[in-house]
C-alpha atoms as a PDB file:
ATOM      1  CA  MET A   1      46.037   4.316  39.303  1.00  0.00           C
ATOM      2  CA  GLN A   2      46.258   7.810  39.558  1.00  0.00           C
ATOM      3  CA  HIS A   3      44.794  10.205  42.193  1.00  0.00           C
ATOM      4  CA  TYR A   4      43.273  13.548  41.703  1.00  0.00           C
ATOM      5  CA  ARG A   5      41.721  16.060  44.143  1.00  0.00           C
ATOM      6  CA  TYR A   6      39.626  18.898  42.641  1.00  0.00           C
ATOM      7  CA  THR A   7      37.469  21.514  44.351  1.00  0.00           C
ATOM      8  CA  VAL A   8      33.542  20.992  43.644  1.00  0.00           C
ATOM      9  CA  ILE A   9      31.540  24.233  44.132  1.00  0.00           C
ATOM     10  CA  LEU A  10      27.708  23.752  45.211  1.00  0.00           C
ATOM     11  CA  GLU A  11      25.220  26.288  44.538  1.00  0.00           C
ATOM     12  CA  ARG A  12      21.678  26.107  45.796  1.00  0.00           C
ATOM     13  CA  GLU A  13      19.212  26.518  42.707  1.00  0.00           C
ATOM     14  CA  GLU A  14      16.031  28.724  43.230  1.00  0.00           C
ATOM     15  CA  GLU A  15      13.859  26.178  41.783  1.00  0.00           C
ATOM     16  CA  GLY A  16      15.252  23.455  44.200  1.00  0.00           C
ATOM     17  CA  GLY A  17      18.236  21.141  44.092  1.00  0.00           C
ATOM     18  CA  PHE A  18      21.958  22.080  43.714  1.00  0.00           C
ATOM     19  CA  HIS A  19      24.217  23.009  40.829  1.00  0.00           C
ATOM     20  CA  ALA A  20      28.035  21.558  40.984  1.00  0.00           C
ATOM     21  CA  PHE A  21      30.784  22.517  39.127  1.00  0.00           C
ATOM     22  CA  VAL A  22      34.700  22.090  38.914  1.00  0.00           C
ATOM     23  CA  PRO A  23      36.258  25.278  38.250  1.00  0.00           C
ATOM     24  CA  ALA A  24      39.538  23.449  37.218  1.00  0.00           C
ATOM     25  CA  LEU A  25      37.792  21.276  34.726  1.00  0.00           C
ATOM     26  CA  ARG A  26      36.236  23.700  32.191  1.00  0.00           C
ATOM     27  CA  GLY A  27      32.596  22.817  31.458  1.00  0.00           C
ATOM     28  CA  CYS A  28      32.419  20.168  34.187  1.00  0.00           C
ATOM     29  CA  HIS A  29      29.088  20.905  35.530  1.00  0.00           C
ATOM     30  CA  THR A  30      26.265  18.623  37.040  1.00  0.00           C
ATOM     31  CA  GLN A  31      23.377  18.896  39.506  1.00  0.00           C
ATOM     32  CA  GLY A  32      21.341  16.991  41.979  1.00  0.00           C
ATOM     33  CA  ASP A  33      18.245  17.073  44.163  1.00  0.00           C
ATOM     34  CA  THR A  34      20.476  17.026  47.341  1.00  0.00           C
ATOM     35  CA  GLU A  35      23.995  18.123  48.259  1.00  0.00           C
ATOM     36  CA  GLU A  36      25.035  14.313  48.620  1.00  0.00           C
ATOM     37  CA  GLU A  37      23.433  13.574  45.075  1.00  0.00           C
ATOM     38  CA  ALA A  38      25.099  16.646  43.425  1.00  0.00           C
ATOM     39  CA  LEU A  39      28.518  15.689  44.970  1.00  0.00           C
ATOM     40  CA  MET A  40      28.048  11.988  43.929  1.00  0.00           C
ATOM     41  CA  ASN A  41      27.363  13.093  40.261  1.00  0.00           C
ATOM     42  CA  ALA A  42      30.163  15.567  40.412  1.00  0.00           C
ATOM     43  CA  GLN A  43      32.626  12.644  41.193  1.00  0.00           C
ATOM     44  CA  GLU A  44      31.049  10.751  38.251  1.00  0.00           C
ATOM     45  CA  ALA A  45      31.432  13.871  35.998  1.00  0.00           C
ATOM     46  CA  ILE A  46      34.978  14.348  36.869  1.00  0.00           C
ATOM     47  CA  THR A  47      35.819  10.649  36.231  1.00  0.00           C
ATOM     48  CA  ILE A  48      34.274  10.697  32.875  1.00  0.00           C
ATOM     49  CA  TYR A  49      35.892  14.086  32.203  1.00  0.00           C
ATOM     50  CA  ILE A  50      39.419  12.945  33.404  1.00  0.00           C
ATOM     51  CA  GLU A  51      38.849   9.475  31.291  1.00  0.00           C
ATOM     52  CA  SER A  52      38.075  11.400  28.273  1.00  0.00           C
ATOM     53  CA  LEU A  53      41.308  13.899  28.620  1.00  0.00           C
ATOM     54  CA  LYS A  54      43.346  10.648  28.747  1.00  0.00           C
ATOM     55  CA  ALA A  55      41.769   9.030  25.807  1.00  0.00           C
ATOM     56  CA  HIS A  56      42.485  12.004  23.688  1.00  0.00           C
ATOM     57  CA  GLY A  57      46.016  12.521  24.932  1.00  0.00           C
ATOM     58  CA  GLU A  58      45.390  15.545  26.674  1.00  0.00           C
ATOM     59  CA  PRO A  59      46.787  17.121  30.048  1.00  0.00           C
ATOM     60  CA  ILE A  60      45.138  16.534  33.102  1.00  0.00           C
ATOM     61  CA  PRO A  61      44.767  19.844  34.850  1.00  0.00           C
ATOM     62  CA  ALA A  62      45.424  20.486  38.346  1.00  0.00           C
ATOM     63  CA  ASP A  63      43.100  21.933  40.763  1.00  0.00           C
ATOM     64  CA  GLY A  64      43.558  25.744  40.976  1.00  0.00           C
ATOM     65  CA  PRO A  65      42.327  28.090  43.784  1.00  0.00           C
ATOM     66  CA  ALA A  66      38.677  28.836  44.002  1.00  0.00           C
ATOM     67  CA  GLU A  67      37.264  31.889  45.301  1.00  0.00           C
ATOM     68  CA  VAL A  68      34.419  29.947  47.385  1.00  0.00           C
ATOM     69  CA  MET A  69      35.295  26.859  49.466  1.00  0.00           C
ATOM     70  CA  GLU A  70      32.159  26.190  50.942  1.00  0.00           C
ATOM     71  CA  GLU A  71      32.430  22.399  50.447  1.00  0.00           C
ATOM     72  CA  PRO A  72      35.527  20.337  50.698  1.00  0.00           C
ATOM     73  CA  ALA A  73      37.295  19.157  47.514  1.00  0.00           C
ATOM     74  CA  VAL A  74      36.483  15.826  46.152  1.00  0.00           C
ATOM     75  CA  ALA A  75      39.260  13.219  45.785  1.00  0.00           C
ATOM     76  CA  ILE A  76      38.921  10.988  42.373  1.00  0.00           C
ATOM     77  CA  THR A  77      40.765   7.692  41.730  1.00  0.00           C
ATOM     78  CA  VAL A  78      41.140   7.167  37.894  1.00  0.00           C
END
């Protein structure tokens, strides 16, 4: 099993809830009603994203620097 660590950016939505995205994984976005839910959903989205890359024989991107680091990076084991 490999371990990955990605930065997840949380943004508060005007209408409520949180938008979460992973800058290193293009198109990897999710949301949640609370910060905790958004982070849990982000972990699931990252796992699915990486599994898809592996299934298609594509490289797994490394986490790059992010402009905003309000929340800690999320560690994923796949």
